Amino acid sequence: MRLFHLPLICLLASLGACAAHADARPDDSPAAGTTVTLERSVCFGFCPSYTVTVDADGQVDFTGREHVQTPQAHEQVSPERVAAILAAVEQADFRSLKENYVNQDDGCANMATDMPSARITVADASGSKTVNFYYGCFGGIADTVKPRIDQLAKTIDEQLDTARWIGKPSAAGTAQ
């Protein structure tokens, strides 16, 4: 009779292990609690000004300020889109960037006025990091950082499809 109990105990133990694994939630993933925010500022002209944030669950919040057609939008995106954004954050080596690239002290050899800026914030388990890049910042360190910021911002915009909320500015400066 004891031989009968041994296989039954092994079976129950293995089923318990499966049940414990099945209860593992997505909250245990490295991205849980992560948010990525892109803020674009106005320029002298019709540059769209907006903020878009996505969290690890794919919840997207868009707030348009100037030169956009949609003032507010909320949406859900797929985990693949969130993963593409997080991969772009890694590809940009985001955490290694300085906080600001906005003046000569930050590595701008030359400055132009009236340009927009991109501010990207990544908040995750290791903390929050913000990088502010002014597109009137040229030369020196700025020229090496700009392609990384551009690609990351482009990926965020593409994966969240912000173009549908931005629209096309009209000559009068309002979106159509």
Foldseek 3Di string as FASTA:
>chain_A
DVVVVVVVVVVVVVVVVVVVVVPDDPCPPQQRPKKKKKFKDAFVAQDWTKMWMAGQQQWIWIATDFQWQAGIDIDGADNVLVVQLVVLCVVLVVVVQDAEQQDVVRFQPFFDGRFMKMWMWMQGPVGIGIHIYTPRRDDGPNVVNVVSVVVSVVSNCVSVVCCVGNAGADPVRHHD
